[in-house]
C-alpha cells in the first residue's frame, strides 16, 4: 500500500512539474512573440512572426526553433488529457511487472509526443510555404481573413462527422480494461504512438483553428486545450463534441461577417 501510494505521488508529482515547466516556457514564448508584433498585411490583418526566419537564420535553424517551441507547447496543451491514459497503462503493466515502471511510462509519453513532433514538421512546412506565398501575392493576402473564417467553419462541421467520432472514441478508450500489456519497451512505444496518432487526428480540426487564429495566442491556446480535454475526458463526450462544434461554427461565421465588413 505504501509503495503504491509513493508510486502515485511520484507519477502525478513529475507530471505536474512537467506541465508547469512547459506552460511557463510557452507563456514566455507567447509574450516574446506578442512583443515583436506582426507584419501588417493587405486586408487589415497582421502576419505572425512564427513562420518567419529571423535575419541571418537558416531554414534548418528556423525549423529547429519552431519544433522546439511546438513540442513544449503541445506538452502543455495535451498533457492534461494524456494523464489518464498514462496512469491506466502504468496500472496495466504493473500487474505484469514493476521493473522499469517509470521508464516504460515515460516511453509511452515519448511515443505520443513523437507523433506530435511529426505533425509539427508538417505544420512548419505548410505554414512557411503559405507565408511566402502571402507575402508575394497581395491579392491572396487580402483573402486571408475570409479564408480563415471558412477554415474555422469547416473545422466546426468536422466535429459532427463520423471521422471525428471514430478517432475520438479511440482517444477515450483507456488501456487496461480486459487487456494485458507486456512490460517491455516495444509495447510501451507502440501504445504511445498508436494513442498519439488517434488523438492527433481526433483534434486535428481544433489544432487547425489554433494555427489559423494564432499559434502563439495564449487565449486561443487555452480554449483549444479546454476543448480537447473536455471532449476526451467528460462523461458525455459526444455531447461535448457537438457543443464545441456549434460554438466553432458560430465563431467561424462571425469571422467571415467581420472579414467582409473590413473589405
Protein backbone atom coordinates (compact mmCIF):
# COMPACT_ATOMS: atom_id res chain seq x y z
CA UNK A 1 0.00 0.00 0.00
CA UNK A 2 2.82 2.39 0.92
CA UNK A 3 4.68 1.52 -2.29
CA UNK A 4 1.56 2.08 -4.40
CA UNK A 5 0.92 5.45 -2.75
CA UNK A 6 4.54 6.53 -3.26
CA UNK A 7 4.33 5.47 -6.92
CA UNK A 8 1.16 7.51 -7.37
CA UNK A 9 2.71 10.58 -5.74
CA UNK A 10 5.81 10.27 -7.91
CA UNK A 11 3.79 9.94 -11.12
CA UNK A 12 1.48 12.88 -10.51
CA UNK A 13 4.25 15.00 -8.98
CA UNK A 14 6.50 14.51 -12.01
CA UNK A 15 3.56 15.18 -14.35
CA UNK A 16 2.71 18.41 -12.50
CA UNK A 17 6.32 19.61 -12.74
CA UNK A 18 6.45 18.81 -16.47
CA UNK A 19 3.19 20.65 -17.08
CA UNK A 20 4.29 23.68 -15.04
CA UNK A 21 7.63 23.90 -16.86
CA UNK A 22 6.11 23.55 -20.34
CA UNK A 23 3.32 26.04 -19.53
CA UNK A 24 5.86 28.56 -18.21
CA UNK A 25 8.07 28.25 -21.29
CA UNK A 26 5.06 28.51 -23.60
CA UNK A 27 3.85 31.64 -21.81
CA UNK A 28 7.33 33.19 -22.12
CA UNK A 29 7.49 32.44 -25.85
CA UNK A 30 3.99 33.82 -26.39
CA UNK A 31 4.98 37.00 -24.59
CA UNK A 32 8.08 37.44 -26.74
CA UNK A 33 6.08 36.85 -29.92
CA UNK A 34 3.44 39.37 -28.86
CA UNK A 35 6.15 41.93 -28.11
CA UNK A 36 7.50 41.51 -31.64
CA UNK A 37 4.07 42.25 -33.07
CA UNK A 38 3.33 41.16 -36.60
CA UNK A 39 3.76 42.31 -40.16
CA UNK A 40 0.82 44.42 -41.46
CA UNK A 41 -0.72 42.70 -44.47
CA UNK A 42 -3.22 43.72 -47.18
CA UNK A 43 -6.71 43.01 -45.88
CA UNK A 44 -6.20 44.62 -42.47
CA UNK A 45 -4.55 41.71 -40.62
CA UNK A 46 -1.10 41.05 -39.22
CA UNK A 47 1.10 38.09 -40.09
CA UNK A 48 2.59 36.30 -37.09
CA UNK A 49 6.37 36.21 -36.79
CA UNK A 50 6.09 32.46 -36.01
CA UNK A 51 6.51 31.50 -39.66
CA UNK A 52 9.26 33.96 -40.50
CA UNK A 53 13.01 33.46 -40.40
CA UNK A 54 14.98 35.88 -38.30
CA UNK A 55 17.74 37.87 -40.09
CA UNK A 56 20.66 35.56 -40.78
CA UNK A 57 18.73 32.46 -39.74
CA UNK A 58 18.83 29.37 -41.96
CA UNK A 59 15.78 27.28 -42.81
CA UNK A 60 17.05 24.31 -40.74
CA UNK A 61 17.62 26.69 -37.83
CA UNK A 62 14.13 28.16 -38.19
CA UNK A 63 12.62 24.67 -38.36
CA UNK A 64 14.50 23.52 -35.25
CA UNK A 65 13.43 26.64 -33.35
CA UNK A 66 9.79 26.12 -34.34
CA UNK A 67 9.83 22.42 -33.46
CA UNK A 68 11.29 23.12 -30.04
CA UNK A 69 8.54 25.66 -29.39
CA UNK A 70 5.91 23.32 -30.84
CA UNK A 71 6.87 20.33 -28.68
CA UNK A 72 6.86 22.39 -25.49
CA UNK A 73 3.52 23.97 -26.42
CA UNK A 74 1.93 20.60 -27.23
CA UNK A 75 3.21 19.19 -23.94
CA UNK A 76 1.42 21.95 -22.05
CA UNK A 77 -1.76 21.56 -24.12
CA UNK A 78 -2.06 17.78 -24.36
CA UNK A 79 -0.65 16.55 -21.05
CA UNK A 80 -3.89 17.14 -19.06
CA UNK A 81 -5.87 14.83 -21.37
CA UNK A 82 -2.98 12.34 -21.70
CA UNK A 83 -2.51 11.71 -17.96
CA UNK A 84 -5.47 9.28 -17.52
CA UNK A 85 -4.15 7.13 -20.37
CA UNK A 86 -0.63 7.10 -18.92
CA UNK A 87 -1.94 6.20 -15.48
CA UNK A 88 -4.11 3.34 -16.77
CA UNK A 89 -1.18 1.99 -18.81
CA UNK A 90 1.02 2.19 -15.73
CA UNK A 91 -1.51 0.21 -13.71
CA UNK A 92 -1.92 -2.35 -16.52
CA UNK A 93 1.79 -3.14 -16.87
CA UNK A 94 2.22 -3.13 -13.09
CA UNK A 95 0.14 -6.33 -12.99
CA UNK A 96 2.83 -7.96 -15.11
CA UNK A 97 5.99 -6.44 -13.64
CA UNK A 98 7.13 -3.44 -11.63
CA UNK A 99 10.56 -3.42 -13.26
CA UNK A 100 11.33 -0.16 -15.07
CA UNK A 101 7.78 1.04 -14.45
CA UNK A 102 8.71 4.73 -14.60
CA UNK A 103 10.84 4.30 -17.72
CA UNK A 104 8.11 2.41 -19.59
CA UNK A 105 5.52 5.03 -18.64
CA UNK A 106 7.84 7.77 -19.87
CA UNK A 107 8.38 5.82 -23.11
CA UNK A 108 4.62 5.80 -23.75
CA UNK A 109 4.64 9.57 -23.37
CA UNK A 110 7.63 9.89 -25.71
CA UNK A 111 5.84 7.81 -28.34
CA UNK A 112 2.77 10.01 -28.00
CA UNK A 113 4.70 13.26 -28.41
CA UNK A 114 6.80 11.78 -31.22
CA UNK A 115 3.60 11.74 -33.27
CA UNK A 116 3.00 15.39 -32.40
CA UNK A 117 6.58 16.17 -33.46
CA UNK A 118 5.91 14.64 -36.89
CA UNK A 119 2.74 16.72 -37.14
CA UNK A 120 4.83 19.76 -36.17
CA UNK A 121 7.19 19.19 -39.10
CA UNK A 122 4.21 19.16 -41.49
CA UNK A 123 2.77 22.28 -39.85
CA UNK A 124 6.06 24.17 -40.23
CA UNK A 125 6.43 23.25 -43.91
CA UNK A 126 2.84 24.22 -44.79
CA UNK A 127 2.93 27.38 -42.68
CA UNK A 128 6.23 28.55 -44.17
CA UNK A 129 5.10 27.92 -47.75
CA UNK A 130 1.81 29.76 -47.22
CA UNK A 131 3.65 32.66 -45.58
CA UNK A 132 5.96 33.02 -48.57
CA UNK A 133 3.01 33.00 -50.97
CA UNK A 134 1.00 35.53 -48.95
CA UNK A 135 3.98 37.90 -48.72
CA UNK A 136 4.41 37.85 -52.50
CA UNK A 137 0.75 37.83 -53.60
CA UNK A 138 -1.20 40.83 -52.28
CA UNK A 139 -4.46 39.52 -53.75
CA UNK A 140 -4.20 36.27 -51.85
CA UNK A 141 -3.17 38.11 -48.68
CA UNK A 142 -6.38 40.17 -48.81
CA UNK A 143 -8.42 36.97 -48.91
CA UNK A 144 -6.80 35.52 -45.76
CA UNK A 145 -9.35 36.86 -43.20
CA UNK A 146 -12.29 35.31 -45.11
CA UNK A 147 -10.33 32.12 -45.77
CA UNK A 148 -9.56 31.86 -42.05
CA UNK A 149 -13.27 32.11 -41.26
CA UNK A 150 -14.06 29.39 -43.81
CA UNK A 151 -11.40 27.12 -42.31
CA UNK A 152 -12.92 27.59 -38.84
CA UNK A 153 -16.41 26.78 -40.21
CA UNK A 154 -15.10 23.57 -41.81
CA UNK A 155 -13.31 22.67 -38.57
CA UNK A 156 -16.57 23.16 -36.69
CA UNK A 157 -18.51 21.00 -39.16
CA UNK A 158 -15.97 18.18 -38.71
CA UNK A 159 -16.99 17.99 -35.04
CA UNK A 160 -20.22 16.32 -36.22
CA UNK A 161 -18.56 13.81 -38.58
CA UNK A 162 -18.20 10.04 -38.24
CA UNK A 163 -14.45 10.54 -38.82
CA UNK A 164 -14.22 12.64 -35.67
CA UNK A 165 -16.35 10.20 -33.68
CA UNK A 166 -14.15 7.24 -34.65
CA UNK A 167 -10.86 8.82 -33.64
CA UNK A 168 -12.29 10.44 -30.52
CA UNK A 169 -13.61 7.04 -29.40
CA UNK A 170 -10.08 5.63 -29.76
CA UNK A 171 -8.77 8.56 -27.68
CA UNK A 172 -11.32 7.96 -24.93
CA UNK A 173 -10.55 4.23 -24.78
CA UNK A 174 -8.20 3.88 -21.83
CA UNK A 175 -5.82 0.90 -21.74
CA UNK A 176 -6.05 -1.72 -19.07
CA UNK A 177 -9.67 -2.84 -19.38
CA UNK A 178 -9.58 -6.55 -20.22
CA UNK A 179 -6.09 -6.27 -21.70
CA UNK A 180 -2.66 -7.33 -20.53
CA UNK A 181 0.42 -5.46 -21.68
CA UNK A 182 3.90 -6.88 -21.90
CA UNK A 183 6.24 -4.83 -19.73
CA UNK A 184 8.74 -4.06 -22.49
CA UNK A 185 9.94 -1.03 -24.42
CA UNK A 186 8.40 -2.11 -27.74
CA UNK A 187 4.91 -2.37 -26.28
CA UNK A 188 5.22 0.97 -24.46
CA UNK A 189 6.44 2.78 -27.58
CA UNK A 190 3.78 1.22 -29.81
CA UNK A 191 0.96 2.12 -27.43
CA UNK A 192 2.21 5.69 -27.17
CA UNK A 193 2.45 6.10 -30.95
CA UNK A 194 -0.97 4.49 -31.50
CA UNK A 195 -2.64 6.71 -28.94
CA UNK A 196 -0.82 9.77 -30.27
CA UNK A 197 -1.95 9.04 -33.82
CA UNK A 198 -5.62 8.71 -32.93
CA UNK A 199 -5.58 11.73 -30.62
CA UNK A 200 -3.62 13.84 -33.10
CA UNK A 201 -6.10 13.04 -35.86
CA UNK A 202 -9.04 13.48 -33.49
CA UNK A 203 -8.13 17.04 -32.57
CA UNK A 204 -6.62 17.98 -35.95
CA UNK A 205 -9.54 20.31 -36.67
CA UNK A 206 -9.11 22.02 -33.29
CA UNK A 207 -5.37 22.34 -33.88
CA UNK A 208 -6.00 23.93 -37.28
CA UNK A 209 -8.19 26.53 -35.57
CA UNK A 210 -5.28 27.35 -33.27
CA UNK A 211 -2.97 27.75 -36.27
CA UNK A 212 -5.48 29.98 -38.07
CA UNK A 213 -6.24 32.23 -35.10
CA UNK A 214 -2.64 32.43 -33.92
CA UNK A 215 -0.36 29.58 -32.92
CA UNK A 216 1.17 31.64 -30.11
CA UNK A 217 -2.06 33.28 -28.91
CA UNK A 218 -2.43 32.29 -25.24
CA UNK A 219 -6.22 32.77 -25.22
CA UNK A 220 -6.71 30.59 -28.29
CA UNK A 221 -4.31 28.03 -26.85
CA UNK A 222 -6.22 27.89 -23.56
CA UNK A 223 -9.58 27.49 -25.33
CA UNK A 224 -8.30 24.68 -27.55
CA UNK A 225 -6.74 22.94 -24.53
CA UNK A 226 -10.04 23.10 -22.63
CA UNK A 227 -11.96 21.82 -25.68
CA UNK A 228 -9.57 18.90 -26.29
CA UNK A 229 -9.54 17.90 -22.62
CA UNK A 230 -13.32 18.19 -22.24
CA UNK A 231 -14.25 16.09 -25.27
CA UNK A 232 -11.76 13.38 -24.28
CA UNK A 233 -12.48 13.17 -20.56
CA UNK A 234 -16.05 14.39 -19.99
CA UNK A 235 -18.60 11.57 -19.34
CA UNK A 236 -20.86 12.75 -22.18
CA UNK A 237 -18.07 13.00 -24.74
CA UNK A 238 -20.26 13.11 -27.85
CA UNK A 239 -22.49 15.86 -26.49
CA UNK A 240 -19.46 17.90 -25.51
CA UNK A 241 -18.02 17.34 -29.00
CA UNK A 242 -21.25 18.59 -30.63
CA UNK A 243 -21.49 21.59 -28.30
CA UNK A 244 -17.92 22.54 -29.17
CA UNK A 245 -18.76 22.15 -32.85
CA UNK A 246 -21.74 24.52 -32.56
CA UNK A 247 -19.58 27.16 -30.85
CA UNK A 248 -16.88 26.82 -33.51
CA UNK A 249 -19.40 27.15 -36.34
CA UNK A 250 -20.76 30.33 -34.79
CA UNK A 251 -17.25 31.74 -34.34
CA UNK A 252 -16.34 30.92 -37.95
CA UNK A 253 -19.45 32.62 -39.34
CA UNK A 254 -18.72 35.67 -37.18
CA UNK A 255 -15.16 35.80 -38.57
CA UNK A 256 -16.49 35.72 -42.15
CA UNK A 257 -19.00 38.51 -41.49
CA UNK A 258 -16.32 40.58 -39.77
CA UNK A 259 -13.88 40.00 -42.65
CA UNK A 260 -16.49 41.09 -45.19
CA UNK A 261 -17.04 44.27 -43.19
CA UNK A 262 -13.34 45.13 -43.45
CA UNK A 263 -13.26 44.83 -47.24
